[in-house]
């Protein structure tokens, strides 16, 4: 089944083990990514009986693949399509 969801809250993990990467860089990147992804709509392929945890996992996988960063937390709403 294809499920449409919209990101309402997201927290990225932009920490790096790199001497050139400062805590300020991390915080700015996390903030900018959050602003970029909040409000985005995704169509996810999930099982018919998928629960919110499984949907959240699929959403995190999709966004991580796009952004290249790990996600600490994500909230979403289901978008119902009318015909």
C-alpha atoms as a PDB file:
ATOM      1  CA  UNK A   1       0.000   0.000   0.000  1.00  0.00           C
ATOM      2  CA  UNK A   2       1.163   3.540  -0.716  1.00  0.00           C
ATOM      3  CA  UNK A   3       0.802   5.869   2.259  1.00  0.00           C
ATOM      4  CA  UNK A   4       1.190   9.640   2.026  1.00  0.00           C
ATOM      5  CA  UNK A   5       2.700  11.392   5.048  1.00  0.00           C
ATOM      6  CA  UNK A   6       3.873  14.907   5.857  1.00  0.00           C
ATOM      7  CA  UNK A   7       6.817  15.638   8.163  1.00  0.00           C
ATOM      8  CA  UNK A   8       5.750  17.811  11.112  1.00  0.00           C
ATOM      9  CA  UNK A   9       8.910  17.583  13.226  1.00  0.00           C
ATOM     10  CA  UNK A  10      12.373  16.173  12.606  1.00  0.00           C
ATOM     11  CA  UNK A  11      15.696  16.077  14.440  1.00  0.00           C
ATOM     12  CA  UNK A  12      18.902  15.179  12.620  1.00  0.00           C
ATOM     13  CA  UNK A  13      22.184  13.890  14.045  1.00  0.00           C
ATOM     14  CA  UNK A  14      24.880  15.920  12.311  1.00  0.00           C
ATOM     15  CA  UNK A  15      27.731  15.046  14.657  1.00  0.00           C
ATOM     16  CA  UNK A  16      31.048  14.131  13.035  1.00  0.00           C
ATOM     17  CA  UNK A  17      34.402  12.949  14.333  1.00  0.00           C
ATOM     18  CA  UNK A  18      36.307  15.622  12.440  1.00  0.00           C
ATOM     19  CA  UNK A  19      38.530  18.284  13.987  1.00  0.00           C
ATOM     20  CA  UNK A  20      37.358  20.826  11.399  1.00  0.00           C
ATOM     21  CA  UNK A  21      33.663  20.206  12.202  1.00  0.00           C
ATOM     22  CA  UNK A  22      32.673  22.417  15.138  1.00  0.00           C
ATOM     23  CA  UNK A  23      29.682  22.179  17.433  1.00  0.00           C
ATOM     24  CA  UNK A  24      28.411  25.376  15.792  1.00  0.00           C
ATOM     25  CA  UNK A  25      28.621  23.664  12.361  1.00  0.00           C
ATOM     26  CA  UNK A  26      26.645  20.738  13.751  1.00  0.00           C
ATOM     27  CA  UNK A  27      23.915  22.921  15.266  1.00  0.00           C
ATOM     28  CA  UNK A  28      23.558  25.101  12.164  1.00  0.00           C
ATOM     29  CA  UNK A  29      23.363  22.065   9.878  1.00  0.00           C
ATOM     30  CA  UNK A  30      20.767  20.357  12.081  1.00  0.00           C
ATOM     31  CA  UNK A  31      18.661  23.528  12.167  1.00  0.00           C
ATOM     32  CA  UNK A  32      18.892  24.113   8.401  1.00  0.00           C
ATOM     33  CA  UNK A  33      18.013  20.500   7.597  1.00  0.00           C
ATOM     34  CA  UNK A  34      15.033  20.585   9.939  1.00  0.00           C
ATOM     35  CA  UNK A  35      13.714  23.717   8.234  1.00  0.00           C
ATOM     36  CA  UNK A  36      14.199  22.084   4.831  1.00  0.00           C
ATOM     37  CA  UNK A  37      12.354  18.853   5.636  1.00  0.00           C
ATOM     38  CA  UNK A  38       9.475  20.030   7.846  1.00  0.00           C
ATOM     39  CA  UNK A  39       6.375  20.196   5.675  1.00  0.00           C
ATOM     40  CA  UNK A  40       7.730  17.829   3.025  1.00  0.00           C
ATOM     41  CA  UNK A  41       5.307  15.164   1.782  1.00  0.00           C
ATOM     42  CA  UNK A  42       6.400  11.584   1.098  1.00  0.00           C
ATOM     43  CA  UNK A  43       4.701   8.602  -0.450  1.00  0.00           C
ATOM     44  CA  UNK A  44       5.867   5.454   1.303  1.00  0.00           C
ATOM     45  CA  UNK A  45       5.299   1.851   0.356  1.00  0.00           C
ATOM     46  CA  UNK A  46       4.263   0.015   3.515  1.00  0.00           C
ATOM     47  CA  UNK A  47       2.314  -3.096   4.470  1.00  0.00           C
ATOM     48  CA  UNK A  48      -1.439  -2.695   4.806  1.00  0.00           C
ATOM     49  CA  UNK A  49      -1.219  -3.312   8.549  1.00  0.00           C
ATOM     50  CA  UNK A  50       1.872  -1.130   9.174  1.00  0.00           C
ATOM     51  CA  UNK A  51       1.885   0.687  12.504  1.00  0.00           C
ATOM     52  CA  UNK A  52       3.311   4.149  13.166  1.00  0.00           C
ATOM     53  CA  UNK A  53       6.689   2.722  14.225  1.00  0.00           C
ATOM     54  CA  UNK A  54       7.078   0.878  10.915  1.00  0.00           C
ATOM     55  CA  UNK A  55       5.952   3.946   8.973  1.00  0.00           C
ATOM     56  CA  UNK A  56       8.404   6.105  10.924  1.00  0.00           C
ATOM     57  CA  UNK A  57      11.215   3.677  10.069  1.00  0.00           C
ATOM     58  CA  UNK A  58      10.412   3.850   6.343  1.00  0.00           C
ATOM     59  CA  UNK A  59      10.203   7.647   6.496  1.00  0.00           C
ATOM     60  CA  UNK A  60      13.582   7.870   8.256  1.00  0.00           C
ATOM     61  CA  UNK A  61      15.134   5.584   5.638  1.00  0.00           C
ATOM     62  CA  UNK A  62      13.780   7.774   2.832  1.00  0.00           C
ATOM     63  CA  UNK A  63      14.938  11.058   4.359  1.00  0.00           C
ATOM     64  CA  UNK A  64      18.342   9.664   5.394  1.00  0.00           C
ATOM     65  CA  UNK A  65      18.926   8.498   1.831  1.00  0.00           C
ATOM     66  CA  UNK A  66      18.030  11.970   0.522  1.00  0.00           C
ATOM     67  CA  UNK A  67      19.913  14.031   3.068  1.00  0.00           C
ATOM     68  CA  UNK A  68      22.880  11.798   3.831  1.00  0.00           C
ATOM     69  CA  UNK A  69      22.358  12.306   7.590  1.00  0.00           C
ATOM     70  CA  UNK A  70      21.014  10.126  10.401  1.00  0.00           C
ATOM     71  CA  UNK A  71      17.727  11.045  12.010  1.00  0.00           C
ATOM     72  CA  UNK A  72      17.163  11.070  15.772  1.00  0.00           C
ATOM     73  CA  UNK A  73      13.427  11.713  15.739  1.00  0.00           C
ATOM     74  CA  UNK A  74      10.626  12.286  13.259  1.00  0.00           C
ATOM     75  CA  UNK A  75       6.923  13.073  13.620  1.00  0.00           C
ATOM     76  CA  UNK A  76       4.445  12.991  10.787  1.00  0.00           C
ATOM     77  CA  UNK A  77       0.787  13.146   9.913  1.00  0.00           C
ATOM     78  CA  UNK A  78      -1.093  10.932   7.505  1.00  0.00           C
ATOM     79  CA  UNK A  79      -2.403  12.698   4.416  1.00  0.00           C
ATOM     80  CA  UNK A  80      -5.729  11.327   3.246  1.00  0.00           C
ATOM     81  CA  UNK A  81      -6.436  11.651  -0.434  1.00  0.00           C
ATOM     82  CA  UNK A  82      -9.954  12.381  -1.584  1.00  0.00           C
ATOM     83  CA  UNK A  83     -11.225  11.118  -4.897  1.00  0.00           C
END
